[in-house]
Protein backbone atom coordinates (compact mmCIF):
# COMPACT_ATOMS: atom_id res chain seq x y z
CA UNK A 1 88.18 121.40 118.85
CA UNK A 2 89.52 120.30 122.23
CA UNK A 3 91.16 123.19 124.07
CA UNK A 4 94.55 121.48 124.37
CA UNK A 5 94.68 120.81 120.63
CA UNK A 6 93.60 124.37 119.85
CA UNK A 7 96.34 125.80 122.10
CA UNK A 8 99.01 123.49 120.63
CA UNK A 9 97.94 124.38 117.08
CA UNK A 10 98.19 128.11 117.81
CA UNK A 11 101.61 127.68 119.41
CA UNK A 12 102.78 125.79 116.32
CA UNK A 13 101.41 128.50 114.05
CA UNK A 14 103.27 131.14 116.07
CA UNK A 15 106.53 129.16 115.80
CA UNK A 16 106.05 129.01 112.03
CA UNK A 17 105.22 132.72 111.79
CA UNK A 18 108.29 133.94 113.71
CA UNK A 19 110.51 131.58 111.71
CA UNK A 20 109.14 132.66 108.33
CA UNK A 21 109.04 136.41 109.01
CA UNK A 22 112.71 136.34 110.07
CA UNK A 23 112.10 137.36 113.68
CA UNK A 24 113.64 134.06 114.81
CA UNK A 25 115.53 133.07 111.65
CA UNK A 26 117.54 130.46 113.55
CA UNK A 27 114.49 128.21 114.15
CA UNK A 28 114.01 125.13 112.00
CA UNK A 29 110.70 123.75 110.67
CA UNK A 30 110.61 120.68 112.91
CA UNK A 31 108.87 121.85 116.10
CA UNK A 32 106.84 119.98 118.66
CA UNK A 33 104.43 121.20 121.30
CA UNK A 34 102.38 119.62 124.05
CA UNK A 35 99.66 121.16 126.21
CA UNK A 36 98.21 119.33 129.20
CA UNK A 37 95.27 120.73 131.15
CA UNK A 38 93.85 119.44 134.41
CA UNK A 39 90.07 119.50 134.69
CA UNK A 40 87.89 119.50 137.83
CA UNK A 41 84.79 117.33 138.14
CA UNK A 42 81.55 118.77 139.39
CA UNK A 43 79.17 117.04 141.79
CA UNK A 44 77.20 115.38 138.98
CA UNK A 45 80.33 113.49 137.83
CA UNK A 46 80.62 115.45 134.61
CA UNK A 47 83.67 117.32 133.42
CA UNK A 48 83.60 120.91 134.45
CA UNK A 49 85.77 123.90 133.62
CA UNK A 50 89.52 123.62 133.45
CA UNK A 51 91.32 124.35 136.67
CA UNK A 52 94.72 125.33 135.24
CA UNK A 53 97.25 124.57 132.56
CA UNK A 54 99.42 121.87 134.03
CA UNK A 55 102.09 121.50 131.33
CA UNK A 56 103.20 123.49 128.33
CA UNK A 57 106.16 122.12 126.37
CA UNK A 58 107.63 123.59 123.19
CA UNK A 59 110.60 122.04 121.43
CA UNK A 60 112.06 123.00 118.07
CA UNK A 61 115.19 122.37 116.06
CA UNK A 62 117.48 125.36 115.67
CA UNK A 63 120.68 126.56 114.07
CA UNK A 64 123.95 125.91 115.88
CA UNK A 65 124.17 128.39 118.77
CA UNK A 66 126.79 131.16 118.45
CA UNK A 67 128.02 129.78 115.09
CA UNK A 68 125.28 129.98 112.44
CA UNK A 69 125.18 133.26 110.49
CA UNK A 70 121.96 134.85 109.25
CA UNK A 71 123.42 135.75 105.84
CA UNK A 72 124.30 132.09 105.24
CA UNK A 73 121.07 130.63 106.64
CA UNK A 74 118.39 132.92 105.17
CA UNK A 75 118.11 132.93 101.40
CA UNK A 76 118.04 136.44 99.97
CA UNK A 77 118.84 138.17 103.29
CA UNK A 78 120.74 141.41 102.69
CA UNK A 79 120.62 143.15 106.08
CA UNK A 80 123.16 143.18 108.88
CA UNK A 81 124.65 139.81 109.68
CA UNK A 82 123.61 138.18 112.93
CA UNK A 83 124.80 135.10 114.80
CA UNK A 84 122.43 132.47 116.18
CA UNK A 85 121.70 133.12 119.87
CA UNK A 86 123.14 131.07 122.72
CA UNK A 87 121.03 128.35 124.34
CA UNK A 88 120.36 130.69 127.29
CA UNK A 89 119.08 133.43 124.93
CA UNK A 90 116.92 130.93 123.04
CA UNK A 91 115.31 129.70 126.25
CA UNK A 92 114.52 133.25 127.32
């Protein structure tokens, strides 16, 4: 599998895992990710090793910041109530 696709697939799997295990209950299922890598060419005009990750973008739908409540959003949740984080907290 191409490295960029492998990285994007793993990022998507991680988004799903933290959403389903309740760690980030405010995430929604519709997430998108993009990985772009720049490659160097060697002297024989063949692709060589990657030089660095140029772009990494992750975007996902989420509950309304500072309004959505965990007890209302997560079916069967019985713990302490929590409010969806602010946009600043989500980005961090």
